[in-house]
Amino acid sequence: MIGFIIAGLVIGALARLVKPGRQKLSFVATLLLGLAGSVIGGLIANLLGTGDIFELNVVGFIVAVIAAVLLIGVAEGMSGRRSVRR
């Protein structure tokens, strides 16, 4: 479980580094989006037959970072819409 949390932090931090621009996300939001990205990456890696969902492998890690970048974009879009409302 601790390894899963650490992997989520690493994946979330890498996703924030890869995504251009400044993100207004907290530490907890980075952790949660990284965890969600790691689950998505593990599921896709499992579907591709490269390993188990909770197994750390290269394909799952790359897909997890890509998924986390997309999730950060969605989170930014949703938070931006809320602040624009009158």
Protein backbone atom coordinates (compact mmCIF):
# COMPACT_ATOMS: atom_id res chain seq x y z
CA MET A 1 0.00 0.00 0.00
CA ILE A 2 2.82 2.42 0.83
CA GLY A 3 4.49 1.55 -2.48
CA PHE A 4 1.24 2.33 -4.29
CA ILE A 5 1.08 5.77 -2.61
CA ILE A 6 4.74 6.51 -3.42
CA ALA A 7 4.19 5.44 -7.05
CA GLY A 8 1.15 7.73 -7.21
CA LEU A 9 3.21 10.66 -5.94
CA VAL A 10 5.99 9.99 -8.44
CA ILE A 11 3.56 9.59 -11.33
CA GLY A 12 1.63 12.72 -10.33
CA ALA A 13 4.83 14.76 -10.00
CA LEU A 14 6.11 13.55 -13.38
CA ALA A 15 2.77 14.34 -14.98
CA ARG A 16 2.93 17.89 -13.60
CA LEU A 17 6.46 18.26 -14.96
CA VAL A 18 5.47 16.95 -18.39
CA LYS A 19 2.33 19.08 -18.70
CA PRO A 20 3.20 22.59 -19.87
CA GLY A 21 2.11 25.61 -17.89
CA ARG A 22 1.52 26.15 -14.21
CA GLN A 23 -0.96 23.90 -12.46
CA LYS A 24 -2.84 25.13 -9.42
CA LEU A 25 -3.10 21.74 -7.75
CA SER A 26 -2.44 20.87 -4.14
CA PHE A 27 -0.20 18.09 -2.90
CA VAL A 28 -3.26 15.93 -2.21
CA ALA A 29 -4.70 16.56 -5.68
CA THR A 30 -1.36 15.58 -7.23
CA LEU A 31 -1.35 12.40 -5.15
CA LEU A 32 -4.93 11.48 -6.05
CA LEU A 33 -4.47 12.16 -9.77
CA GLY A 34 -1.21 10.19 -9.71
CA LEU A 35 -2.97 7.28 -8.00
CA ALA A 36 -5.79 7.39 -10.54
CA GLY A 37 -3.26 7.51 -13.36
CA SER A 38 -1.38 4.54 -11.93
CA VAL A 39 -4.58 2.49 -11.70
CA ILE A 40 -5.45 3.37 -15.32
CA GLY A 41 -1.90 2.55 -16.41
CA GLY A 42 -2.01 -0.78 -14.58
CA LEU A 43 -5.36 -1.66 -16.13
CA ILE A 44 -4.15 -0.89 -19.65
CA ALA A 45 -0.88 -2.76 -19.08
CA ASN A 46 -2.90 -5.72 -17.80
CA LEU A 47 -5.14 -5.62 -20.86
CA LEU A 48 -2.04 -5.55 -23.09
CA GLY A 49 -0.70 -8.59 -21.24
CA THR A 50 2.49 -6.97 -19.95
CA GLY A 51 1.80 -7.65 -16.27
CA ASP A 52 -0.59 -7.53 -13.35
CA ILE A 53 -2.48 -4.34 -12.49
CA PHE A 54 -0.39 -3.70 -9.35
CA GLU A 55 2.89 -4.80 -10.91
CA LEU A 56 5.40 -2.07 -11.75
CA ASN A 57 6.47 -2.30 -15.38
CA VAL A 58 7.62 0.11 -18.07
CA VAL A 59 4.46 0.05 -20.20
CA GLY A 60 2.20 0.56 -17.19
CA PHE A 61 4.39 3.39 -15.89
CA ILE A 62 4.40 5.25 -19.22
CA VAL A 63 0.64 4.84 -19.66
CA ALA A 64 0.12 5.93 -16.04
CA VAL A 65 2.04 9.18 -16.59
CA ILE A 66 0.09 9.87 -19.80
CA ALA A 67 -3.20 9.16 -18.02
CA ALA A 68 -2.20 11.42 -15.12
CA VAL A 69 -1.34 14.25 -17.55
CA LEU A 70 -4.79 13.89 -19.11
CA LEU A 71 -6.43 13.79 -15.67
CA ILE A 72 -4.57 16.95 -14.64
CA GLY A 73 -5.87 18.66 -17.78
CA VAL A 74 -9.42 17.57 -16.95
CA ALA A 75 -9.04 18.73 -13.33
CA GLU A 76 -7.73 22.11 -14.46
CA GLY A 77 -10.58 22.46 -16.94
CA MET A 78 -13.17 21.66 -14.32
CA SER A 79 -11.68 24.03 -11.74
CA GLY A 80 -11.36 26.78 -14.35
CA ARG A 81 -15.03 26.50 -15.25
CA ARG A 82 -16.10 26.82 -11.63
CA SER A 83 -14.12 30.04 -11.11
CA VAL A 84 -15.46 31.64 -14.32
CA ARG A 85 -19.13 31.33 -13.33
CA ARG A 86 -20.88 34.51 -12.21
